[in-house]
Amino acid sequence: MTSQPRRVCFTLQVHPARLEEYRTRHREIWPEMLEALAATGWDDYSLFLREDGLLVGCLVTEDFDAAKAAMEATDVNRRWQAEMAPYFVGLADGRPDAAAQPLREIFNLRDALASIPGHDVA
């Protein structure tokens, strides 16, 4: 039995002085990195960046731990993480992917509407 896909959100902190470089790196992301993310279950993956460096990542996946582990096993991810680490603040082990811990979802409009008797969520 497959699990229900779920939304996952996480935050990291980019060095404010390196925001434009960070944006540029993501405009030039390696095709093999994109393919690895798609192949390992990082569906509908987006990054949002605030001007103070707050980075918010969002994705849909059936199993975030499995998706992270599958990416960790790829060579392209090891190379990407090593190149991206200097852009981040406060990485305990120097790896942005290891620091991306999911936030707990406390509200979802679709779920709340579905809980109303007789309400049809399209």
N, C-alpha and C. Protein backbone atom coordinates (compact mmCIF):
# COMPACT_ATOMS: atom_id res chain seq x y z
N MET A 1 0.84 -1.18 0.00
CA MET A 1 0.00 0.00 0.00
C MET A 1 0.89 1.25 0.00
N THR A 2 0.61 2.16 -0.93
CA THR A 2 1.39 3.40 -0.99
C THR A 2 0.82 4.43 -0.02
N SER A 3 1.72 5.22 0.52
CA SER A 3 1.26 6.26 1.44
C SER A 3 0.73 7.45 0.65
N GLN A 4 -0.03 8.25 1.34
CA GLN A 4 -0.61 9.45 0.74
C GLN A 4 0.49 10.51 0.58
N PRO A 5 0.64 11.09 -0.62
CA PRO A 5 1.62 12.17 -0.74
C PRO A 5 1.30 13.30 0.24
N ARG A 6 2.36 13.92 0.77
CA ARG A 6 2.15 15.02 1.70
C ARG A 6 3.05 16.19 1.32
N ARG A 7 2.61 17.36 1.73
CA ARG A 7 3.40 18.56 1.54
C ARG A 7 4.44 18.62 2.65
N VAL A 8 5.63 19.04 2.29
CA VAL A 8 6.70 19.22 3.27
C VAL A 8 7.25 20.62 3.08
N CYS A 9 7.51 21.29 4.18
CA CYS A 9 8.08 22.63 4.16
C CYS A 9 9.26 22.66 5.12
N PHE A 10 10.34 23.33 4.71
CA PHE A 10 11.51 23.47 5.58
C PHE A 10 12.12 24.85 5.37
N THR A 11 12.92 25.28 6.33
CA THR A 11 13.61 26.57 6.20
C THR A 11 15.11 26.39 6.38
N LEU A 12 15.84 27.27 5.76
CA LEU A 12 17.28 27.40 5.93
C LEU A 12 17.59 28.89 5.88
N GLN A 13 18.80 29.27 6.24
CA GLN A 13 19.18 30.68 6.21
C GLN A 13 20.36 30.88 5.27
N VAL A 14 20.14 31.67 4.23
CA VAL A 14 21.19 32.02 3.27
C VAL A 14 21.88 33.29 3.77
N HIS A 15 23.20 33.36 3.60
CA HIS A 15 23.94 34.58 3.96
C HIS A 15 23.34 35.75 3.18
N PRO A 16 22.87 36.78 3.86
CA PRO A 16 22.26 37.91 3.16
C PRO A 16 23.16 38.54 2.10
N ALA A 17 24.47 38.54 2.31
CA ALA A 17 25.39 39.13 1.33
C ALA A 17 25.55 38.27 0.08
N ARG A 18 25.02 37.03 0.10
CA ARG A 18 25.22 36.12 -1.04
C ARG A 18 23.91 35.78 -1.76
N LEU A 19 22.87 36.57 -1.52
CA LEU A 19 21.56 36.26 -2.09
C LEU A 19 21.57 36.22 -3.61
N GLU A 20 22.18 37.21 -4.24
CA GLU A 20 22.15 37.23 -5.71
C GLU A 20 22.93 36.05 -6.29
N GLU A 21 24.07 35.72 -5.69
CA GLU A 21 24.82 34.54 -6.14
C GLU A 21 23.97 33.27 -6.00
N TYR A 22 23.27 33.18 -4.88
CA TYR A 22 22.43 32.01 -4.62
C TYR A 22 21.33 31.90 -5.67
N ARG A 23 20.68 33.03 -5.97
CA ARG A 23 19.65 33.03 -7.02
C ARG A 23 20.24 32.59 -8.35
N THR A 24 21.41 33.12 -8.68
CA THR A 24 22.06 32.77 -9.95
C THR A 24 22.33 31.28 -10.03
N ARG A 25 22.83 30.70 -8.95
CA ARG A 25 23.12 29.25 -8.95
C ARG A 25 21.86 28.44 -9.25
N HIS A 26 20.71 28.91 -8.79
CA HIS A 26 19.48 28.16 -9.03
C HIS A 26 18.89 28.43 -10.42
N ARG A 27 19.29 29.50 -11.06
CA ARG A 27 18.92 29.70 -12.46
C ARG A 27 19.77 28.81 -13.36
N GLU A 28 20.92 28.38 -12.83
CA GLU A 28 21.88 27.57 -13.60
C GLU A 28 22.04 26.17 -13.02
N ILE A 29 21.00 25.66 -12.37
CA ILE A 29 21.09 24.35 -11.72
C ILE A 29 21.41 23.26 -12.76
N TRP A 30 22.24 22.33 -12.36
CA TRP A 30 22.68 21.28 -13.27
C TRP A 30 21.50 20.39 -13.68
N PRO A 31 21.38 20.07 -14.96
CA PRO A 31 20.30 19.17 -15.40
C PRO A 31 20.31 17.83 -14.66
N GLU A 32 21.49 17.29 -14.35
CA GLU A 32 21.54 16.01 -13.65
C GLU A 32 21.02 16.13 -12.21
N MET A 33 21.14 17.32 -11.62
CA MET A 33 20.57 17.54 -10.29
C MET A 33 19.05 17.57 -10.37
N LEU A 34 18.52 18.25 -11.38
CA LEU A 34 17.07 18.28 -11.59
C LEU A 34 16.52 16.87 -11.79
N GLU A 35 17.20 16.09 -12.60
CA GLU A 35 16.76 14.72 -12.87
C GLU A 35 16.81 13.86 -11.61
N ALA A 36 17.85 14.04 -10.79
CA ALA A 36 17.97 13.27 -9.55
C ALA A 36 16.85 13.63 -8.58
N LEU A 37 16.54 14.90 -8.45
CA LEU A 37 15.45 15.31 -7.57
C LEU A 37 14.13 14.67 -8.02
N ALA A 38 13.85 14.74 -9.30
CA ALA A 38 12.60 14.16 -9.82
C ALA A 38 12.57 12.65 -9.61
N ALA A 39 13.69 11.99 -9.81
CA ALA A 39 13.74 10.52 -9.71
C ALA A 39 13.65 10.02 -8.27
N THR A 40 13.95 10.88 -7.30
CA THR A 40 13.98 10.43 -5.91
C THR A 40 12.78 10.89 -5.09
N GLY A 41 11.77 11.42 -5.76
CA GLY A 41 10.52 11.73 -5.07
C GLY A 41 10.34 13.15 -4.58
N TRP A 42 11.11 14.09 -5.11
CA TRP A 42 10.96 15.50 -4.74
C TRP A 42 9.99 16.15 -5.73
N ASP A 43 8.70 15.86 -5.59
CA ASP A 43 7.70 16.35 -6.52
C ASP A 43 7.28 17.77 -6.18
N ASP A 44 6.96 18.52 -7.22
CA ASP A 44 6.47 19.89 -7.07
C ASP A 44 7.33 20.68 -6.08
N TYR A 45 8.65 20.59 -6.24
CA TYR A 45 9.62 21.19 -5.33
C TYR A 45 9.87 22.65 -5.71
N SER A 46 9.75 23.54 -4.73
CA SER A 46 9.99 24.97 -4.93
C SER A 46 10.82 25.52 -3.79
N LEU A 47 11.58 26.57 -4.10
CA LEU A 47 12.30 27.33 -3.08
C LEU A 47 11.83 28.78 -3.15
N PHE A 48 11.64 29.37 -1.98
CA PHE A 48 11.26 30.77 -1.88
C PHE A 48 12.32 31.46 -1.02
N LEU A 49 12.74 32.66 -1.43
CA LEU A 49 13.82 33.35 -0.74
C LEU A 49 13.40 34.77 -0.36
N ARG A 50 13.47 35.06 0.94
CA ARG A 50 13.16 36.39 1.43
C ARG A 50 14.43 37.24 1.39
N GLU A 51 14.29 38.54 1.37
CA GLU A 51 15.44 39.44 1.24
C GLU A 51 16.40 39.41 2.43
N ASP A 52 15.98 38.88 3.57
CA ASP A 52 16.90 38.76 4.70
C ASP A 52 17.62 37.41 4.70
N GLY A 53 17.38 36.60 3.66
CA GLY A 53 18.06 35.32 3.52
C GLY A 53 17.26 34.12 3.97
N LEU A 54 16.05 34.33 4.50
CA LEU A 54 15.23 33.18 4.89
C LEU A 54 14.84 32.42 3.63
N LEU A 55 15.20 31.15 3.58
CA LEU A 55 14.87 30.28 2.46
C LEU A 55 13.81 29.29 2.92
N VAL A 56 12.74 29.19 2.17
CA VAL A 56 11.67 28.25 2.47
C VAL A 56 11.58 27.28 1.30
N GLY A 57 11.70 26.00 1.61
CA GLY A 57 11.55 24.95 0.61
C GLY A 57 10.24 24.22 0.80
N CYS A 58 9.57 23.91 -0.28
CA CYS A 58 8.30 23.19 -0.24
C CYS A 58 8.33 22.10 -1.30
N LEU A 59 7.81 20.94 -0.96
CA LEU A 59 7.70 19.85 -1.90
C LEU A 59 6.55 18.95 -1.52
N VAL A 60 6.20 18.08 -2.44
CA VAL A 60 5.22 17.04 -2.17
C VAL A 60 5.95 15.72 -2.35
N THR A 61 5.79 14.83 -1.38
CA THR A 61 6.46 13.53 -1.45
C THR A 61 5.68 12.52 -0.61
N GLU A 62 5.85 11.26 -0.94
CA GLU A 62 5.21 10.21 -0.15
C GLU A 62 5.96 9.94 1.14
N ASP A 63 7.29 10.14 1.13
CA ASP A 63 8.11 9.84 2.30
C ASP A 63 9.34 10.74 2.26
N PHE A 64 9.33 11.82 3.05
CA PHE A 64 10.42 12.79 3.01
C PHE A 64 11.75 12.16 3.42
N ASP A 65 11.74 11.33 4.45
CA ASP A 65 12.99 10.68 4.88
C ASP A 65 13.56 9.82 3.75
N ALA A 66 12.71 9.09 3.06
CA ALA A 66 13.16 8.25 1.95
C ALA A 66 13.66 9.10 0.79
N ALA A 67 12.97 10.20 0.50
CA ALA A 67 13.39 11.10 -0.59
C ALA A 67 14.75 11.72 -0.27
N LYS A 68 14.94 12.15 1.00
CA LYS A 68 16.23 12.71 1.41
C LYS A 68 17.33 11.66 1.31
N ALA A 69 17.05 10.44 1.78
CA ALA A 69 18.05 9.37 1.74
C ALA A 69 18.43 9.01 0.31
N ALA A 70 17.44 8.97 -0.57
CA ALA A 70 17.72 8.65 -1.97
C ALA A 70 18.61 9.73 -2.60
N MET A 71 18.35 10.99 -2.28
CA MET A 71 19.21 12.06 -2.80
C MET A 71 20.61 11.98 -2.20
N GLU A 72 20.70 11.70 -0.90
CA GLU A 72 22.01 11.60 -0.26
C GLU A 72 22.89 10.53 -0.89
N ALA A 73 22.26 9.53 -1.49
CA ALA A 73 23.00 8.43 -2.11
C ALA A 73 23.53 8.77 -3.50
N THR A 74 23.17 9.94 -4.03
CA THR A 74 23.62 10.29 -5.38
C THR A 74 24.90 11.10 -5.35
N ASP A 75 25.74 10.88 -6.33
CA ASP A 75 26.98 11.64 -6.46
C ASP A 75 26.69 13.10 -6.77
N VAL A 76 25.71 13.36 -7.63
CA VAL A 76 25.41 14.74 -7.99
C VAL A 76 24.98 15.54 -6.77
N ASN A 77 24.24 14.94 -5.85
CA ASN A 77 23.84 15.65 -4.64
C ASN A 77 25.04 15.96 -3.75
N ARG A 78 25.96 15.02 -3.62
CA ARG A 78 27.15 15.28 -2.80
C ARG A 78 27.92 16.48 -3.36
N ARG A 79 28.06 16.53 -4.68
CA ARG A 79 28.77 17.65 -5.31
C ARG A 79 28.00 18.96 -5.14
N TRP A 80 26.68 18.92 -5.34
CA TRP A 80 25.85 20.12 -5.22
C TRP A 80 25.88 20.66 -3.79
N GLN A 81 25.72 19.79 -2.81
CA GLN A 81 25.72 20.21 -1.40
C GLN A 81 27.05 20.84 -1.02
N ALA A 82 28.14 20.27 -1.49
CA ALA A 82 29.46 20.82 -1.19
C ALA A 82 29.61 22.22 -1.78
N GLU A 83 29.10 22.43 -2.99
CA GLU A 83 29.20 23.75 -3.62
C GLU A 83 28.24 24.76 -3.00
N MET A 84 27.10 24.30 -2.49
CA MET A 84 26.10 25.22 -1.95
C MET A 84 26.33 25.56 -0.48
N ALA A 85 27.03 24.73 0.26
CA ALA A 85 27.22 24.93 1.70
C ALA A 85 27.72 26.34 2.06
N PRO A 86 28.66 26.92 1.33
CA PRO A 86 29.15 28.26 1.72
C PRO A 86 28.09 29.36 1.67
N TYR A 87 26.97 29.12 1.02
CA TYR A 87 25.91 30.13 0.92
C TYR A 87 25.06 30.21 2.20
N PHE A 88 25.17 29.21 3.08
CA PHE A 88 24.27 29.10 4.22
C PHE A 88 24.90 29.49 5.54
N VAL A 89 24.06 29.93 6.46
CA VAL A 89 24.44 30.30 7.82
C VAL A 89 24.07 29.14 8.75
N GLY A 90 24.95 28.83 9.69
CA GLY A 90 24.62 27.92 10.78
C GLY A 90 24.43 26.46 10.44
N LEU A 91 25.20 25.94 9.51
CA LEU A 91 25.11 24.51 9.20
C LEU A 91 26.01 23.74 10.15
N ALA A 92 25.43 22.91 10.98
CA ALA A 92 26.19 22.16 11.98
C ALA A 92 27.21 21.22 11.34
N ASP A 93 26.81 20.52 10.30
CA ASP A 93 27.73 19.57 9.67
C ASP A 93 28.15 19.99 8.27
N GLY A 94 27.83 21.24 7.89
CA GLY A 94 28.26 21.75 6.60
C GLY A 94 27.41 21.33 5.42
N ARG A 95 26.29 20.63 5.66
CA ARG A 95 25.46 20.14 4.56
C ARG A 95 24.06 20.74 4.63
N PRO A 96 23.70 21.57 3.64
CA PRO A 96 22.36 22.15 3.65
C PRO A 96 21.25 21.10 3.65
N ASP A 97 21.43 20.01 2.92
CA ASP A 97 20.37 18.99 2.85
C ASP A 97 20.13 18.34 4.21
N ALA A 98 21.16 18.17 5.00
CA ALA A 98 20.99 17.56 6.33
C ALA A 98 20.31 18.52 7.30
N ALA A 99 20.47 19.82 7.07
CA ALA A 99 19.87 20.82 7.96
C ALA A 99 18.40 21.08 7.65
N ALA A 100 17.91 20.61 6.52
CA ALA A 100 16.53 20.86 6.10
C ALA A 100 15.58 19.92 6.83
N GLN A 101 15.15 20.34 8.01
CA GLN A 101 14.22 19.54 8.81
C GLN A 101 12.80 20.05 8.58
N PRO A 102 11.86 19.15 8.34
CA PRO A 102 10.51 19.61 8.01
C PRO A 102 9.82 20.32 9.18
N LEU A 103 9.03 21.32 8.81
CA LEU A 103 8.20 22.03 9.77
C LEU A 103 6.90 21.24 9.95
N ARG A 104 6.28 21.38 11.10
CA ARG A 104 5.01 20.71 11.35
C ARG A 104 3.87 21.56 10.79
N GLU A 105 3.06 20.97 9.92
CA GLU A 105 1.91 21.68 9.38
C GLU A 105 0.83 21.76 10.45
N ILE A 106 0.34 22.97 10.71
CA ILE A 106 -0.68 23.14 11.74
C ILE A 106 -2.04 23.52 11.17
N PHE A 107 -2.09 23.90 9.89
CA PHE A 107 -3.35 24.24 9.25
C PHE A 107 -3.25 24.00 7.77
N ASN A 108 -4.34 23.46 7.21
CA ASN A 108 -4.44 23.29 5.77
C ASN A 108 -5.89 23.56 5.39
N LEU A 109 -6.11 24.51 4.50
CA LEU A 109 -7.46 24.92 4.13
C LEU A 109 -8.27 23.77 3.54
N ARG A 110 -7.68 23.01 2.63
CA ARG A 110 -8.41 21.90 2.00
C ARG A 110 -8.87 20.89 3.05
N ASP A 111 -7.99 20.54 3.97
CA ASP A 111 -8.36 19.59 5.03
C ASP A 111 -9.45 20.16 5.94
N ALA A 112 -9.34 21.46 6.27
CA ALA A 112 -10.34 22.08 7.12
C ALA A 112 -11.70 22.13 6.44
N LEU A 113 -11.72 22.48 5.16
CA LEU A 113 -12.98 22.50 4.42
C LEU A 113 -13.58 21.10 4.32
N ALA A 114 -12.74 20.09 4.14
CA ALA A 114 -13.23 18.72 4.02
C ALA A 114 -13.86 18.23 5.32
N SER A 115 -13.50 18.84 6.43
CA SER A 115 -14.06 18.43 7.72
C SER A 115 -15.48 18.99 7.96
N ILE A 116 -15.91 19.91 7.11
CA ILE A 116 -17.27 20.49 7.24
C ILE A 116 -18.25 19.51 6.60
N PRO A 117 -19.22 19.02 7.38
CA PRO A 117 -20.19 18.08 6.82
C PRO A 117 -20.90 18.66 5.59
N GLY A 118 -20.94 17.87 4.54
CA GLY A 118 -21.61 18.27 3.30
C GLY A 118 -20.80 19.16 2.40
N HIS A 119 -19.59 19.56 2.83
CA HIS A 119 -18.75 20.42 1.97
C HIS A 119 -17.96 19.57 1.00
N ASP A 120 -18.06 19.89 -0.27
CA ASP A 120 -17.35 19.15 -1.32
C ASP A 120 -16.06 19.92 -1.65
N VAL A 121 -14.93 19.28 -1.43
CA VAL A 121 -13.64 19.89 -1.75
C VAL A 121 -13.24 19.41 -3.14
N ALA A 122 -13.17 20.35 -4.06
CA ALA A 122 -12.81 19.99 -5.44
C ALA A 122 -11.32 20.02 -5.64
